[in-house]
Amino acid sequence: MEELIRILEEIQPDADYENCTTLIDDEILSSLDVMSIVAELEDEYDIRILPVEIVPANFNSAEAMWQMVQRLREG
């Protein structure tokens, strides 16, 4: 999870990733940020994030992103 937070802070340093659960809903992350996050997560964790996974529920918080990464690594 620490590595995920580091990736997120490099892409959008102004967000509170430890506490925020509305990163998409409150437009803290832009669509370009999300695409950058997808690319970084795929590289870092050796996963493939399909378009069906790119929904607000998976990107509204660092915890949601981490759960998605864990799920995709297992599958």
C-alpha atoms as a PDB file:
ATOM      1  CA  MET A   1       0.000   0.000   0.000  1.00  0.00           C
ATOM      2  CA  GLU A   2       2.896   2.388   0.695  1.00  0.00           C
ATOM      3  CA  GLU A   3       4.090   1.989  -2.885  1.00  0.00           C
ATOM      4  CA  LEU A   4       0.574   2.742  -4.131  1.00  0.00           C
ATOM      5  CA  ILE A   5       0.462   5.950  -2.071  1.00  0.00           C
ATOM      6  CA  ARG A   6       3.860   6.960  -3.485  1.00  0.00           C
ATOM      7  CA  ILE A   7       2.583   6.431  -7.043  1.00  0.00           C
ATOM      8  CA  LEU A   8      -0.558   8.441  -6.335  1.00  0.00           C
ATOM      9  CA  GLU A   9       1.387  11.305  -4.751  1.00  0.00           C
ATOM     10  CA  GLU A  10       3.647  11.526  -7.792  1.00  0.00           C
ATOM     11  CA  ILE A  11       0.622  11.859 -10.081  1.00  0.00           C
ATOM     12  CA  GLN A  12      -1.490  14.187  -7.901  1.00  0.00           C
ATOM     13  CA  PRO A  13       0.396  15.438  -4.828  1.00  0.00           C
ATOM     14  CA  ASP A  14      -2.410  17.623  -3.453  1.00  0.00           C
ATOM     15  CA  ALA A  15      -4.770  14.827  -2.376  1.00  0.00           C
ATOM     16  CA  ASP A  16      -5.149  13.230   1.055  1.00  0.00           C
ATOM     17  CA  TYR A  17      -4.892   9.596  -0.010  1.00  0.00           C
ATOM     18  CA  GLU A  18      -4.917   8.289   3.548  1.00  0.00           C
ATOM     19  CA  ASN A  19      -8.420   9.625   4.271  1.00  0.00           C
ATOM     20  CA  CYS A  20     -10.211  10.702   1.111  1.00  0.00           C
ATOM     21  CA  THR A  21     -12.927   8.410  -0.241  1.00  0.00           C
ATOM     22  CA  THR A  22     -14.227  10.744  -2.963  1.00  0.00           C
ATOM     23  CA  LEU A  23     -11.230  11.208  -5.250  1.00  0.00           C
ATOM     24  CA  ILE A  24     -13.349  10.826  -8.377  1.00  0.00           C
ATOM     25  CA  ASP A  25     -16.687  12.110  -7.059  1.00  0.00           C
ATOM     26  CA  ASP A  26     -15.095  15.386  -5.891  1.00  0.00           C
ATOM     27  CA  GLU A  27     -12.970  15.669  -9.044  1.00  0.00           C
ATOM     28  CA  ILE A  28      -9.695  15.524  -7.098  1.00  0.00           C
ATOM     29  CA  LEU A  29      -8.419  13.145  -9.750  1.00  0.00           C
ATOM     30  CA  SER A  30      -8.991  14.006 -13.399  1.00  0.00           C
ATOM     31  CA  SER A  31      -9.542  11.474 -16.146  1.00  0.00           C
ATOM     32  CA  LEU A  32      -5.920  12.014 -17.208  1.00  0.00           C
ATOM     33  CA  ASP A  33      -4.799  11.302 -13.632  1.00  0.00           C
ATOM     34  CA  VAL A  34      -6.776   8.061 -13.667  1.00  0.00           C
ATOM     35  CA  MET A  35      -5.197   6.977 -16.948  1.00  0.00           C
ATOM     36  CA  SER A  36      -1.730   7.729 -15.520  1.00  0.00           C
ATOM     37  CA  ILE A  37      -2.590   5.745 -12.389  1.00  0.00           C
ATOM     38  CA  VAL A  38      -3.769   2.808 -14.502  1.00  0.00           C
ATOM     39  CA  ALA A  39      -0.502   2.777 -16.448  1.00  0.00           C
ATOM     40  CA  GLU A  40       1.603   3.012 -13.287  1.00  0.00           C
ATOM     41  CA  LEU A  41      -0.353   0.298 -11.475  1.00  0.00           C
ATOM     42  CA  GLU A  42      -0.078  -2.031 -14.448  1.00  0.00           C
ATOM     43  CA  ASP A  43       3.692  -1.522 -14.562  1.00  0.00           C
ATOM     44  CA  GLU A  44       4.314  -1.637 -10.829  1.00  0.00           C
ATOM     45  CA  TYR A  45       2.137  -4.637  -9.987  1.00  0.00           C
ATOM     46  CA  ASP A  46       2.335  -6.532 -13.289  1.00  0.00           C
ATOM     47  CA  ILE A  47      -1.423  -6.529 -13.757  1.00  0.00           C
ATOM     48  CA  ARG A  48      -3.814  -5.687 -16.587  1.00  0.00           C
ATOM     49  CA  ILE A  49      -6.588  -3.230 -15.762  1.00  0.00           C
ATOM     50  CA  LEU A  50      -9.366  -3.707 -18.288  1.00  0.00           C
ATOM     51  CA  PRO A  51     -11.684  -0.829 -19.199  1.00  0.00           C
ATOM     52  CA  VAL A  52     -14.502  -2.488 -17.231  1.00  0.00           C
ATOM     53  CA  GLU A  53     -12.414  -1.889 -14.060  1.00  0.00           C
ATOM     54  CA  ILE A  54     -12.014   1.835 -14.721  1.00  0.00           C
ATOM     55  CA  VAL A  55     -15.040   2.990 -12.757  1.00  0.00           C
ATOM     56  CA  PRO A  56     -15.328   5.504  -9.901  1.00  0.00           C
ATOM     57  CA  ALA A  57     -15.833   2.775  -7.300  1.00  0.00           C
ATOM     58  CA  ASN A  58     -12.333   1.446  -8.007  1.00  0.00           C
ATOM     59  CA  PHE A  59     -10.640   4.866  -7.944  1.00  0.00           C
ATOM     60  CA  ASN A  60     -12.485   6.903  -5.303  1.00  0.00           C
ATOM     61  CA  SER A  61      -9.911   6.015  -2.640  1.00  0.00           C
ATOM     62  CA  ALA A  62      -6.457   4.563  -2.273  1.00  0.00           C
ATOM     63  CA  GLU A  63      -8.012   1.648  -0.399  1.00  0.00           C
ATOM     64  CA  ALA A  64     -10.375   0.911  -3.309  1.00  0.00           C
ATOM     65  CA  MET A  65      -7.442   0.994  -5.721  1.00  0.00           C
ATOM     66  CA  TRP A  66      -5.440  -1.312  -3.469  1.00  0.00           C
ATOM     67  CA  GLN A  67      -8.334  -3.790  -3.277  1.00  0.00           C
ATOM     68  CA  MET A  68      -8.601  -3.742  -7.074  1.00  0.00           C
ATOM     69  CA  VAL A  69      -4.862  -4.383  -7.420  1.00  0.00           C
ATOM     70  CA  GLN A  70      -5.059  -7.286  -4.961  1.00  0.00           C
ATOM     71  CA  ARG A  71      -8.062  -8.763  -6.771  1.00  0.00           C
ATOM     72  CA  LEU A  72      -6.357  -8.510 -10.177  1.00  0.00           C
ATOM     73  CA  ARG A  73      -3.119 -10.008  -8.862  1.00  0.00           C
ATOM     74  CA  GLU A  74      -5.017 -13.021  -7.559  1.00  0.00           C
ATOM     75  CA  GLY A  75      -7.030 -13.503 -10.726  1.00  0.00           C
END
